[in-house]
C-alpha atoms as a PDB file:
ATOM      1  CA  UNK A   1      -0.044   0.145   0.214  1.00  0.00           C
ATOM      2  CA  UNK A   2       1.405   2.890  -0.786  1.00  0.00           C
ATOM      3  CA  UNK A   3       2.586   6.179   1.960  1.00  0.00           C
ATOM      4  CA  UNK A   4       0.072   8.911   1.802  1.00  0.00           C
ATOM      5  CA  UNK A   5       0.904  12.361   1.484  1.00  0.00           C
ATOM      6  CA  UNK A   6       0.548  14.854   3.991  1.00  0.00           C
ATOM      7  CA  UNK A   7      -2.036  17.080   2.078  1.00  0.00           C
ATOM      8  CA  UNK A   8      -4.008  13.982   2.229  1.00  0.00           C
ATOM      9  CA  UNK A   9      -4.349  13.360   5.847  1.00  0.00           C
ATOM     10  CA  UNK A  10      -7.525  14.061   8.346  1.00  0.00           C
ATOM     11  CA  UNK A  11      -6.176  15.041  11.463  1.00  0.00           C
ATOM     12  CA  UNK A  12      -8.172  16.441  14.608  1.00  0.00           C
ATOM     13  CA  UNK A  13      -7.718  18.095  17.897  1.00  0.00           C
ATOM     14  CA  UNK A  14      -6.739  16.475  20.702  1.00  0.00           C
ATOM     15  CA  UNK A  15      -9.150  15.778  23.322  1.00  0.00           C
ATOM     16  CA  UNK A  16      -5.361  16.266  25.567  1.00  0.00           C
ATOM     17  CA  UNK A  17      -5.549  19.998  24.836  1.00  0.00           C
ATOM     18  CA  UNK A  18      -8.413  22.902  25.567  1.00  0.00           C
ATOM     19  CA  UNK A  19      -7.556  25.889  23.684  1.00  0.00           C
ATOM     20  CA  UNK A  20      -8.072  29.571  24.421  1.00  0.00           C
ATOM     21  CA  UNK A  21      -7.922  33.267  24.278  1.00  0.00           C
ATOM     22  CA  UNK A  22      -6.289  35.611  26.673  1.00  0.00           C
ATOM     23  CA  UNK A  23      -5.751  39.302  25.917  1.00  0.00           C
ATOM     24  CA  UNK A  24      -6.123  38.980  22.420  1.00  0.00           C
ATOM     25  CA  UNK A  25      -3.693  36.206  22.507  1.00  0.00           C
ATOM     26  CA  UNK A  26      -4.130  32.012  21.547  1.00  0.00           C
ATOM     27  CA  UNK A  27      -3.262  29.336  23.299  1.00  0.00           C
ATOM     28  CA  UNK A  28      -3.329  25.893  23.665  1.00  0.00           C
ATOM     29  CA  UNK A  29      -2.607  24.131  26.612  1.00  0.00           C
ATOM     30  CA  UNK A  30      -2.151  20.887  27.797  1.00  0.00           C
ATOM     31  CA  UNK A  31      -4.911  19.135  29.843  1.00  0.00           C
ATOM     32  CA  UNK A  32      -3.248  18.027  33.216  1.00  0.00           C
ATOM     33  CA  UNK A  33      -4.582  16.775  36.778  1.00  0.00           C
ATOM     34  CA  UNK A  34      -1.726  19.060  37.970  1.00  0.00           C
ATOM     35  CA  UNK A  35       0.071  22.262  37.860  1.00  0.00           C
ATOM     36  CA  UNK A  36       3.387  20.342  37.970  1.00  0.00           C
ATOM     37  CA  UNK A  37       2.382  17.735  34.851  1.00  0.00           C
ATOM     38  CA  UNK A  38       1.787  21.202  32.294  1.00  0.00           C
ATOM     39  CA  UNK A  39       5.311  21.152  29.706  1.00  0.00           C
ATOM     40  CA  UNK A  40       4.502  24.072  27.957  1.00  0.00           C
ATOM     41  CA  UNK A  41       1.364  25.790  27.122  1.00  0.00           C
ATOM     42  CA  UNK A  42       1.234  26.816  22.954  1.00  0.00           C
ATOM     43  CA  UNK A  43       0.659  30.556  21.574  1.00  0.00           C
ATOM     44  CA  UNK A  44      -0.695  30.563  18.592  1.00  0.00           C
ATOM     45  CA  UNK A  45      -0.263  32.934  15.442  1.00  0.00           C
ATOM     46  CA  UNK A  46      -3.207  34.552  13.728  1.00  0.00           C
ATOM     47  CA  UNK A  47      -2.703  32.287  10.630  1.00  0.00           C
ATOM     48  CA  UNK A  48      -2.009  29.570  13.187  1.00  0.00           C
ATOM     49  CA  UNK A  49      -5.090  30.236  14.972  1.00  0.00           C
ATOM     50  CA  UNK A  50      -7.235  30.471  11.316  1.00  0.00           C
ATOM     51  CA  UNK A  51      -6.110  26.464  10.424  1.00  0.00           C
ATOM     52  CA  UNK A  52      -6.533  25.570  14.154  1.00  0.00           C
ATOM     53  CA  UNK A  53     -10.191  26.499  13.962  1.00  0.00           C
ATOM     54  CA  UNK A  54     -10.353  24.569  10.845  1.00  0.00           C
ATOM     55  CA  UNK A  55      -8.775  21.299  11.886  1.00  0.00           C
ATOM     56  CA  UNK A  56     -11.939  18.751  12.851  1.00  0.00           C
ATOM     57  CA  UNK A  57     -11.592  15.567  11.878  1.00  0.00           C
ATOM     58  CA  UNK A  58     -13.410  15.642   8.562  1.00  0.00           C
ATOM     59  CA  UNK A  59     -11.155  18.599   6.487  1.00  0.00           C
ATOM     60  CA  UNK A  60      -8.351  17.205   4.614  1.00  0.00           C
ATOM     61  CA  UNK A  61      -4.874  19.413   4.888  1.00  0.00           C
ATOM     62  CA  UNK A  62      -5.830  19.439   1.599  1.00  0.00           C
ATOM     63  CA  UNK A  63      -9.085  21.265   1.719  1.00  0.00           C
ATOM     64  CA  UNK A  64      -7.252  23.592   4.902  1.00  0.00           C
ATOM     65  CA  UNK A  65      -4.240  24.626   2.618  1.00  0.00           C
ATOM     66  CA  UNK A  66      -7.258  25.552  -0.356  1.00  0.00           C
ATOM     67  CA  UNK A  67      -8.656  27.483   2.240  1.00  0.00           C
ATOM     68  CA  UNK A  68      -5.616  29.313   3.195  1.00  0.00           C
ATOM     69  CA  UNK A  69      -4.900  30.545  -0.321  1.00  0.00           C
ATOM     70  CA  UNK A  70      -8.227  32.122  -0.391  1.00  0.00           C
ATOM     71  CA  UNK A  71      -7.770  33.373   2.863  1.00  0.00           C
ATOM     72  CA  UNK A  72      -4.110  34.404   3.050  1.00  0.00           C
ATOM     73  CA  UNK A  73      -3.825  35.076  -0.837  1.00  0.00           C
ATOM     74  CA  UNK A  74      -0.677  32.234  -0.579  1.00  0.00           C
ATOM     75  CA  UNK A  75       0.486  30.248  -3.713  1.00  0.00           C
ATOM     76  CA  UNK A  76      -0.700  26.373  -3.046  1.00  0.00           C
ATOM     77  CA  UNK A  77       2.726  25.031  -3.273  1.00  0.00           C
ATOM     78  CA  UNK A  78       4.131  27.921  -0.633  1.00  0.00           C
ATOM     79  CA  UNK A  79       1.192  27.325   1.503  1.00  0.00           C
ATOM     80  CA  UNK A  80       1.488  23.678   1.605  1.00  0.00           C
ATOM     81  CA  UNK A  81       5.254  23.986   3.600  1.00  0.00           C
ATOM     82  CA  UNK A  82       4.115  25.794   6.192  1.00  0.00           C
ATOM     83  CA  UNK A  83       1.277  23.902   7.566  1.00  0.00           C
ATOM     84  CA  UNK A  84       2.622  21.205   6.485  1.00  0.00           C
ATOM     85  CA  UNK A  85       5.380  21.483   9.194  1.00  0.00           C
ATOM     86  CA  UNK A  86       2.742  23.527  11.467  1.00  0.00           C
ATOM     87  CA  UNK A  87       0.905  19.923  11.828  1.00  0.00           C
ATOM     88  CA  UNK A  88       4.315  17.994  11.947  1.00  0.00           C
ATOM     89  CA  UNK A  89       4.711  20.171  14.441  1.00  0.00           C
ATOM     90  CA  UNK A  90       1.016  20.208  16.331  1.00  0.00           C
ATOM     91  CA  UNK A  91       1.278  15.972  15.966  1.00  0.00           C
ATOM     92  CA  UNK A  92       4.612  16.100  17.840  1.00  0.00           C
ATOM     93  CA  UNK A  93       3.238  18.540  21.100  1.00  0.00           C
ATOM     94  CA  UNK A  94       0.175  16.335  20.842  1.00  0.00           C
ATOM     95  CA  UNK A  95      -1.898  18.875  19.968  1.00  0.00           C
ATOM     96  CA  UNK A  96      -3.874  17.209  17.321  1.00  0.00           C
ATOM     97  CA  UNK A  97      -3.905  13.329  16.628  1.00  0.00           C
ATOM     98  CA  UNK A  98      -4.868  11.806  12.705  1.00  0.00           C
ATOM     99  CA  UNK A  99      -7.766  10.554  11.594  1.00  0.00           C
ATOM    100  CA  UNK A 100      -7.292   8.719   8.793  1.00  0.00           C
END
């Protein structure tokens, strides 16, 4: 079976992460039982927030990239590189999970 390209993958937000807006900043906070279990809090920039909101377990990264080209007026190739890197970072931090 051929390896699925990252842009054809579908992700959902992890149930172990909450997203909060505080003082005009959007942050991702790992859910922990105790304060000392929280390793990091992640701050998203404007485009990060846009893409975070589209990660819903239904849209493929290809579909999210297309929506981003409309929103930001960037080429699909340029956005593809940014989104793939962002996705790898979110997955490594445990913020998102692969659906398929």
